[in-house]
C-alpha atoms as a PDB file:
ATOM      1  CA  MET A   1      44.117 -70.805  90.093  1.00  0.00           C
ATOM      2  CA  ARG A   2      45.789 -72.086  86.909  1.00  0.00           C
ATOM      3  CA  LEU A   3      42.464 -72.993  85.336  1.00  0.00           C
ATOM      4  CA  HIS A   4      41.151 -69.427  85.648  1.00  0.00           C
ATOM      5  CA  GLY A   5      44.329 -67.702  84.364  1.00  0.00           C
ATOM      6  CA  PRO A   6      43.910 -68.238  80.598  1.00  0.00           C
ATOM      7  CA  ARG A   7      40.298 -67.194  80.674  1.00  0.00           C
ATOM      8  CA  ARG A   8      41.224 -63.816  82.179  1.00  0.00           C
ATOM      9  CA  GLU A   9      43.763 -63.195  79.433  1.00  0.00           C
ATOM     10  CA  GLU A  10      41.168 -63.917  76.736  1.00  0.00           C
ATOM     11  CA  ALA A  11      38.714 -61.618  78.423  1.00  0.00           C
ATOM     12  CA  VAL A  12      41.297 -58.842  78.424  1.00  0.00           C
ATOM     13  CA  THR A  13      42.291 -59.328  74.758  1.00  0.00           C
ATOM     14  CA  MET A  14      38.801 -59.295  73.192  1.00  0.00           C
ATOM     15  CA  PRO A  15      37.891 -55.666  74.062  1.00  0.00           C
ATOM     16  CA  GLU A  16      41.044 -54.431  72.284  1.00  0.00           C
ATOM     17  CA  THR A  17      40.031 -56.098  69.031  1.00  0.00           C
ATOM     18  CA  THR A  18      36.505 -54.738  69.312  1.00  0.00           C
ATOM     19  CA  ARG A  19      37.836 -51.191  69.962  1.00  0.00           C
ATOM     20  CA  ASP A  20      39.889 -51.231  66.719  1.00  0.00           C
ATOM     21  CA  GLU A  21      36.983 -52.442  64.630  1.00  0.00           C
ATOM     22  CA  THR A  22      34.702 -49.821  66.175  1.00  0.00           C
ATOM     23  CA  THR A  23      37.199 -47.059  65.355  1.00  0.00           C
ATOM     24  CA  ARG A  24      37.439 -48.172  61.730  1.00  0.00           C
ATOM     25  CA  ALA A  25      33.667 -48.444  61.394  1.00  0.00           C
ATOM     26  CA  ALA A  26      33.204 -44.978  62.850  1.00  0.00           C
ATOM     27  CA  SER A  27      35.707 -43.433  60.433  1.00  0.00           C
ATOM     28  CA  THR A  28      34.137 -45.004  57.301  1.00  0.00           C
ATOM     29  CA  PRO A  29      30.883 -42.914  57.186  1.00  0.00           C
ATOM     30  CA  ARG A  30      32.904 -39.687  57.155  1.00  0.00           C
ATOM     31  CA  HIS A  31      34.414 -40.581  53.767  1.00  0.00           C
ATOM     32  CA  ASP A  32      30.946 -41.510  52.417  1.00  0.00           C
ATOM     33  CA  ALA A  33      29.496 -38.218  53.662  1.00  0.00           C
ATOM     34  CA  GLN A  34      32.277 -36.294  51.954  1.00  0.00           C
ATOM     35  CA  ASP A  35      31.648 -38.147  48.676  1.00  0.00           C
ATOM     36  CA  MET A  36      27.894 -37.429  48.885  1.00  0.00           C
ATOM     37  CA  SER A  37      28.536 -33.737  49.547  1.00  0.00           C
ATOM     38  CA  GLY A  38      30.800 -33.498  46.466  1.00  0.00           C
ATOM     39  CA  ARG A  39      28.204 -35.162  44.271  1.00  0.00           C
ATOM     40  CA  THR A  40      25.469 -32.879  45.559  1.00  0.00           C
ATOM     41  CA  ILE A  41      27.538 -29.784  44.734  1.00  0.00           C
ATOM     42  CA  LEU A  42      28.195 -31.076  41.201  1.00  0.00           C
ATOM     43  CA  VAL A  43      24.492 -31.795  40.594  1.00  0.00           C
ATOM     44  CA  LEU A  44      23.418 -28.387  41.886  1.00  0.00           C
ATOM     45  CA  GLY A  45      26.067 -26.687  39.764  1.00  0.00           C
ATOM     46  CA  GLY A  46      24.830 -28.498  36.652  1.00  0.00           C
ATOM     47  CA  ILE A  47      21.205 -27.518  37.350  1.00  0.00           C
ATOM     48  CA  MET A  48      22.157 -23.867  37.786  1.00  0.00           C
ATOM     49  CA  THR A  49      24.161 -23.895  34.531  1.00  0.00           C
ATOM     50  CA  VAL A  50      21.236 -25.341  32.583  1.00  0.00           C
ATOM     51  CA  GLY A  51      18.858 -22.765  34.115  1.00  0.00           C
ATOM     52  CA  VAL A  52      21.106 -19.828  33.172  1.00  0.00           C
ATOM     53  CA  ALA A  53      21.452 -21.144  29.618  1.00  0.00           C
ATOM     54  CA  ALA A  54      17.666 -21.496  29.321  1.00  0.00           C
ATOM     55  CA  VAL A  55      17.085 -17.914  30.528  1.00  0.00           C
ATOM     56  CA  LEU A  56      19.652 -16.546  28.078  1.00  0.00           C
ATOM     57  CA  GLY A  57      18.098 -18.529  25.236  1.00  0.00           C
ATOM     58  CA  MET A  58      14.596 -17.216  25.972  1.00  0.00           C
ATOM     59  CA  THR A  59      15.922 -13.630  26.149  1.00  0.00           C
ATOM     60  CA  THR A  60      17.586 -14.002  22.759  1.00  0.00           C
ATOM     61  CA  VAL A  61      14.437 -15.442  21.168  1.00  0.00           C
ATOM     62  CA  VAL A  62      12.174 -12.698  22.558  1.00  0.00           C
ATOM     63  CA  ARG A  63      14.618  -9.970  21.542  1.00  0.00           C
ATOM     64  CA  GLY A  64      14.934 -11.415  18.035  1.00  0.00           C
ATOM     65  CA  ALA A  65      11.157 -11.600  17.672  1.00  0.00           C
ATOM     66  CA  GLY A  66      10.810  -7.980  18.774  1.00  0.00           C
ATOM     67  CA  ASP A  67      13.439  -6.806  16.308  1.00  0.00           C
ATOM     68  CA  ALA A  68      11.805  -8.719  13.492  1.00  0.00           C
ATOM     69  CA  SER A  69       8.354  -7.298  14.252  1.00  0.00           C
ATOM     70  CA  SER A  70       9.673  -3.725  14.401  1.00  0.00           C
ATOM     71  CA  GLU A  71      11.508  -4.036  11.099  1.00  0.00           C
ATOM     72  CA  ALA A  72       8.678  -5.769   9.226  1.00  0.00           C
ATOM     73  CA  PRO A  73       6.675  -2.633   8.235  1.00  0.00           C
ATOM     74  CA  ALA A  74       9.805  -0.874   6.921  1.00  0.00           C
ATOM     75  CA  ARG A  75      10.744  -3.706   4.573  1.00  0.00           C
ATOM     76  CA  PRO A  76      11.280  -2.310   1.066  1.00  0.00           C
ATOM     77  CA  ALA A  77       9.761  -3.630  -2.117  1.00  0.00           C
ATOM     78  CA  ALA A  78      13.048  -5.323  -3.016  1.00  0.00           C
ATOM     79  CA  VAL A  79      14.203  -7.769  -0.330  1.00  0.00           C
ATOM     80  CA  THR A  80      17.676  -9.345  -0.222  1.00  0.00           C
ATOM     81  CA  GLN A  81      17.952 -12.758   1.404  1.00  0.00           C
ATOM     82  CA  GLU A  82      20.919 -14.984   2.109  1.00  0.00           C
ATOM     83  CA  ASN A  83      20.578 -18.559   0.849  1.00  0.00           C
ATOM     84  CA  GLY A  84      23.546 -20.880   1.339  1.00  0.00           C
ATOM     85  CA  GLY A  85      26.071 -18.063   1.219  1.00  0.00           C
ATOM     86  CA  ALA A  86      24.543 -16.539  -1.948  1.00  0.00           C
ATOM     87  CA  LEU A  87      22.464 -13.380  -2.003  1.00  0.00           C
ATOM     88  CA  GLU A  88      19.065 -13.504  -3.687  1.00  0.00           C
ATOM     89  CA  THR A  89      16.952 -10.433  -4.445  1.00  0.00           C
ATOM     90  CA  THR A  90      13.188 -10.742  -4.716  1.00  0.00           C
ATOM     91  CA  THR A  91      10.847  -7.980  -5.884  1.00  0.00           C
ATOM     92  CA  ARG A  92       7.237  -7.696  -4.889  1.00  0.00           C
ATOM     93  CA  PRO A  93       4.842  -8.072  -7.834  1.00  0.00           C
ATOM     94  CA  VAL A  94       3.042  -4.946  -9.059  1.00  0.00           C
ATOM     95  CA  ARG A  95      -0.636  -5.169  -9.783  1.00  0.00           C
ATOM     96  CA  ARG A  96      -1.233  -4.441 -13.435  1.00  0.00           C
ATOM     97  CA  GLY A  97      -4.814  -3.406 -12.794  1.00  0.00           C
ATOM     98  CA  ALA A  98      -3.648  -0.371 -10.779  1.00  0.00           C
ATOM     99  CA  ILE A  99      -1.919   1.161 -13.861  1.00  0.00           C
ATOM    100  CA  THR A 100      -4.295   2.854 -16.353  1.00  0.00           C
ATOM    101  CA  PRO A 101      -2.783   3.557 -19.800  1.00  0.00           C
ATOM    102  CA  HIS A 102      -2.939   7.159 -20.924  1.00  0.00           C
ATOM    103  CA  VAL A 103      -2.686   8.761 -24.361  1.00  0.00           C
ATOM    104  CA  ALA A 104      -2.101  12.346 -25.456  1.00  0.00           C
ATOM    105  CA  VAL A 105      -4.941  14.190 -27.162  1.00  0.00           C
ATOM    106  CA  PRO A 106      -3.868  14.594 -30.810  1.00  0.00           C
ATOM    107  CA  PRO A 107      -3.916  18.046 -32.450  1.00  0.00           C
ATOM    108  CA  THR A 108      -7.169  18.650 -34.340  1.00  0.00           C
ATOM    109  CA  ARG A 109      -7.099  22.404 -34.891  1.00  0.00           C
ATOM    110  CA  GLY A 110      -7.618  23.325 -38.542  1.00  0.00           C
ATOM    111  CA  LEU A 111      -9.111  19.921 -39.430  1.00  0.00           C
ATOM    112  CA  ASP A 112     -12.656  19.430 -40.582  1.00  0.00           C
ATOM    113  CA  GLN A 113     -15.026  17.751 -38.191  1.00  0.00           C
ATOM    114  CA  ARG A 114     -14.948  14.338 -39.896  1.00  0.00           C
ATOM    115  CA  THR A 115     -11.138  14.116 -40.056  1.00  0.00           C
ATOM    116  CA  ALA A 116     -10.857  15.173 -36.409  1.00  0.00           C
ATOM    117  CA  ARG A 117     -13.209  12.367 -35.363  1.00  0.00           C
ATOM    118  CA  VAL A 118     -11.160   9.780 -37.238  1.00  0.00           C
ATOM    119  CA  ARG A 119      -7.910  10.979 -35.650  1.00  0.00           C
ATOM    120  CA  LEU A 120      -9.355  10.865 -32.142  1.00  0.00           C
ATOM    121  CA  ARG A 121     -10.765   7.363 -32.626  1.00  0.00           C
ATOM    122  CA  ALA A 122      -7.406   6.130 -33.949  1.00  0.00           C
ATOM    123  CA  THR A 123      -5.813   7.371 -30.720  1.00  0.00           C
ATOM    124  CA  GLY A 124      -8.362   5.528 -28.571  1.00  0.00           C
ATOM    125  CA  LEU A 125     -10.476   8.557 -27.642  1.00  0.00           C
ATOM    126  CA  VAL A 126     -14.182   9.286 -28.123  1.00  0.00           C
ATOM    127  CA  VAL A 127     -15.821  12.489 -29.400  1.00  0.00           C
ATOM    128  CA  ALA A 128     -18.304  13.534 -26.740  1.00  0.00           C
ATOM    129  CA  ARG A 129     -19.776  16.684 -28.322  1.00  0.00           C
ATOM    130  CA  VAL A 130     -19.270  19.032 -31.241  1.00  0.00           C
ATOM    131  CA  LEU A 131     -20.044  22.676 -30.426  1.00  0.00           C
ATOM    132  CA  ARG A 132     -20.027  25.649 -32.793  1.00  0.00           C
ATOM    133  CA  ILE A 133     -18.441  28.944 -31.822  1.00  0.00           C
ATOM    134  CA  PRO A 134     -17.996  32.207 -33.762  1.00  0.00           C
ATOM    135  CA  ALA A 135     -14.602  32.153 -35.460  1.00  0.00           C
ATOM    136  CA  THR A 136     -12.996  33.344 -38.710  1.00  0.00           C
ATOM    137  CA  PRO A 137     -11.971  29.888 -40.123  1.00  0.00           C
ATOM    138  CA  PRO A 138     -14.392  28.308 -42.609  1.00  0.00           C
ATOM    139  CA  ALA A 139     -17.557  26.870 -41.098  1.00  0.00           C
ATOM    140  CA  GLY A 140     -17.059  23.349 -39.704  1.00  0.00           C
ATOM    141  CA  THR A 141     -13.317  23.781 -39.084  1.00  0.00           C
ATOM    142  CA  VAL A 142     -12.090  22.643 -35.672  1.00  0.00           C
ATOM    143  CA  VAL A 143     -10.950  25.658 -33.664  1.00  0.00           C
ATOM    144  CA  ARG A 144      -9.947  23.868 -30.449  1.00  0.00           C
ATOM    145  CA  SER A 145     -10.672  20.827 -28.316  1.00  0.00           C
ATOM    146  CA  ASP A 146     -11.375  20.155 -24.664  1.00  0.00           C
ATOM    147  CA  PRO A 147      -9.091  18.720 -23.231  1.00  0.00           C
ATOM    148  CA  ALA A 148      -6.525  20.622 -25.250  1.00  0.00           C
ATOM    149  CA  ALA A 149      -4.067  18.948 -27.615  1.00  0.00           C
ATOM    150  CA  GLY A 150      -1.164  17.245 -25.829  1.00  0.00           C
ATOM    151  CA  THR A 151      -3.102  16.603 -22.591  1.00  0.00           C
ATOM    152  CA  GLY A 152      -2.789  13.110 -21.137  1.00  0.00           C
ATOM    153  CA  VAL A 153      -6.155  11.332 -21.054  1.00  0.00           C
ATOM    154  CA  PRO A 154      -7.029   7.718 -20.122  1.00  0.00           C
ATOM    155  CA  VAL A 155      -7.736   5.466 -23.077  1.00  0.00           C
ATOM    156  CA  GLY A 156     -11.414   5.763 -23.952  1.00  0.00           C
ATOM    157  CA  GLY A 157     -11.607   9.343 -22.646  1.00  0.00           C
ATOM    158  CA  ARG A 158     -14.147  11.815 -24.022  1.00  0.00           C
ATOM    159  CA  VAL A 159     -13.157  14.929 -26.015  1.00  0.00           C
ATOM    160  CA  THR A 160     -15.288  17.923 -27.011  1.00  0.00           C
ATOM    161  CA  LEU A 161     -14.607  19.585 -30.385  1.00  0.00           C
ATOM    162  CA  TYR A 162     -15.289  23.274 -31.048  1.00  0.00           C
ATOM    163  CA  THR A 163     -15.918  24.106 -34.716  1.00  0.00           C
ATOM    164  CA  SER A 164     -16.111  27.474 -36.426  1.00  0.00           C
ATOM    165  CA  THR A 165     -19.344  29.125 -37.587  1.00  0.00           C
ATOM    166  CA  GLY A 166     -17.431  31.056 -40.237  1.00  0.00           C
ATOM    167  CA  VAL A 167     -18.390  34.370 -38.638  1.00  0.00           C
ATOM    168  CA  PRO A 168     -15.808  36.191 -36.525  1.00  0.00           C
ATOM    169  CA  ALA A 169     -16.625  36.778 -32.858  1.00  0.00           C
ATOM    170  CA  THR A 170     -17.463  40.336 -31.933  1.00  0.00           C
ATOM    171  CA  SER A 171     -16.790  39.848 -28.194  1.00  0.00           C
ATOM    172  CA  GLN A 172     -16.447  37.248 -25.464  1.00  0.00           C
ATOM    173  CA  VAL A 173     -18.802  36.545 -22.583  1.00  0.00           C
ATOM    174  CA  THR A 174     -18.612  34.562 -19.379  1.00  0.00           C
ATOM    175  CA  VAL A 175     -20.446  31.250 -19.436  1.00  0.00           C
ATOM    176  CA  PRO A 176     -23.250  31.303 -16.847  1.00  0.00           C
ATOM    177  CA  TYR A 177     -23.993  28.538 -14.366  1.00  0.00           C
ATOM    178  CA  LEU A 178     -27.051  26.634 -15.593  1.00  0.00           C
ATOM    179  CA  GLY A 179     -27.166  23.801 -13.037  1.00  0.00           C
ATOM    180  CA  GLY A 180     -30.633  23.096 -11.623  1.00  0.00           C
ATOM    181  CA  LEU A 181     -32.501  24.805 -14.497  1.00  0.00           C
ATOM    182  CA  ASP A 182     -34.745  23.008 -16.931  1.00  0.00           C
ATOM    183  CA  ALA A 183     -34.138  23.211 -20.691  1.00  0.00           C
ATOM    184  CA  ALA A 184     -36.364  26.266 -21.228  1.00  0.00           C
ATOM    185  CA  GLN A 185     -34.852  28.201 -18.342  1.00  0.00           C
ATOM    186  CA  ALA A 186     -31.309  27.326 -19.475  1.00  0.00           C
ATOM    187  CA  ARG A 187     -31.992  28.563 -23.034  1.00  0.00           C
ATOM    188  CA  LEU A 188     -33.422  31.821 -21.710  1.00  0.00           C
ATOM    189  CA  ALA A 189     -30.437  32.449 -19.398  1.00  0.00           C
ATOM    190  CA  ALA A 190     -27.968  31.744 -22.199  1.00  0.00           C
ATOM    191  CA  ALA A 191     -29.813  33.869 -24.758  1.00  0.00           C
ATOM    192  CA  ARG A 192     -29.489  36.933 -22.535  1.00  0.00           C
ATOM    193  CA  LEU A 193     -25.697  36.673 -23.043  1.00  0.00           C
ATOM    194  CA  GLY A 194     -25.928  35.899 -26.740  1.00  0.00           C
ATOM    195  CA  LEU A 195     -25.280  32.157 -26.245  1.00  0.00           C
ATOM    196  CA  ARG A 196     -27.223  29.128 -27.431  1.00  0.00           C
ATOM    197  CA  VAL A 197     -28.020  25.930 -25.502  1.00  0.00           C
ATOM    198  CA  VAL A 198     -27.876  22.409 -26.978  1.00  0.00           C
ATOM    199  CA  ALA A 199     -29.717  20.074 -24.599  1.00  0.00           C
ATOM    200  CA  GLY A 200     -29.245  16.328 -24.385  1.00  0.00           C
ATOM    201  CA  GLY A 201     -30.327  13.558 -22.059  1.00  0.00           C
ATOM    202  CA  GLY A 202     -33.632  13.494 -20.200  1.00  0.00           C
ATOM    203  CA  ALA A 203     -36.294  16.077 -19.536  1.00  0.00           C
ATOM    204  CA  GLY A 204     -35.210  17.137 -16.042  1.00  0.00           C
ATOM    205  CA  THR A 205     -32.905  19.895 -14.868  1.00  0.00           C
ATOM    206  CA  VAL A 206     -29.341  20.608 -16.002  1.00  0.00           C
ATOM    207  CA  ARG A 207     -26.818  18.103 -14.559  1.00  0.00           C
ATOM    208  CA  GLU A 208     -23.688  18.952 -16.607  1.00  0.00           C
ATOM    209  CA  GLN A 209     -22.651  21.723 -18.986  1.00  0.00           C
ATOM    210  CA  THR A 210     -19.840  22.448 -21.423  1.00  0.00           C
ATOM    211  CA  PRO A 211     -18.032  24.897 -21.424  1.00  0.00           C
ATOM    212  CA  ALA A 212     -17.661  25.056 -17.655  1.00  0.00           C
ATOM    213  CA  PRO A 213     -19.321  27.921 -15.796  1.00  0.00           C
ATOM    214  CA  GLY A 214     -17.080  30.967 -15.441  1.00  0.00           C
ATOM    215  CA  SER A 215     -15.024  30.321 -18.579  1.00  0.00           C
ATOM    216  CA  LEU A 216     -14.858  32.791 -21.466  1.00  0.00           C
ATOM    217  CA  THR A 217     -16.461  31.969 -24.811  1.00  0.00           C
ATOM    218  CA  PRO A 218     -17.278  34.028 -27.921  1.00  0.00           C
ATOM    219  CA  ARG A 219     -20.718  35.601 -28.067  1.00  0.00           C
ATOM    220  CA  GLY A 220     -22.999  33.407 -30.164  1.00  0.00           C
ATOM    221  CA  ALA A 221     -21.302  30.148 -29.099  1.00  0.00           C
ATOM    222  CA  GLU A 222     -23.145  27.033 -28.032  1.00  0.00           C
ATOM    223  CA  ILE A 223     -23.385  25.535 -24.531  1.00  0.00           C
ATOM    224  CA  ALA A 224     -24.023  21.795 -24.321  1.00  0.00           C
ATOM    225  CA  VAL A 225     -26.061  20.713 -21.300  1.00  0.00           C
ATOM    226  CA  THR A 226     -27.006  17.254 -20.031  1.00  0.00           C
ATOM    227  CA  LEU A 227     -30.346  16.918 -18.244  1.00  0.00           C
ATOM    228  CA  HIS A 228     -31.337  14.571 -15.435  1.00  0.00           C
ATOM    229  CA  THR A 229     -33.514  11.675 -16.533  1.00  0.00           C
END
């Protein structure tokens, strides 16, 4: 009986030790699970923050691009830009070829034909025709020009001079339309109104005429016509 006593006590003591260790082991995973849950929440929160920031950034970029594209056509010729805190103004270059220099037709009334030609050439203009019309000034004196004096004309423009025949005009007539007529037909139509035709160019029909149809001119004046080649 004495030999079996100590063994029973050891058998009774061992389960108590095992119960304590089992309790501690069972409580340990709860703390680990709580730590894992906290980490998971932090990671998910960080991912959501990054996603929101990315969406806001894309919205700002798209909105900025839209504003820039809508304002681009309305940009003025002078553009002000900010460079390092300083404002710089740039102006778009202007094409020089788009600007044609003009000159005013000089006054030639009362001048002789030769002097009028020299004055027009000095201004950069060319004498296209010289037509005679009935007028009281001495024969060969410039009565008027077409375009008139003071009119702006591109450099190299053509001017028609009207000189006096020395005989005063008895009346004025309306210049007829001679377009489409040959030289003989144009002379006949003008002669019926007391006008004369000066033909130049080819041998075809009338392409241009000066003075213009419908304008008033003294009876006995000349009409310059250009024929088709």
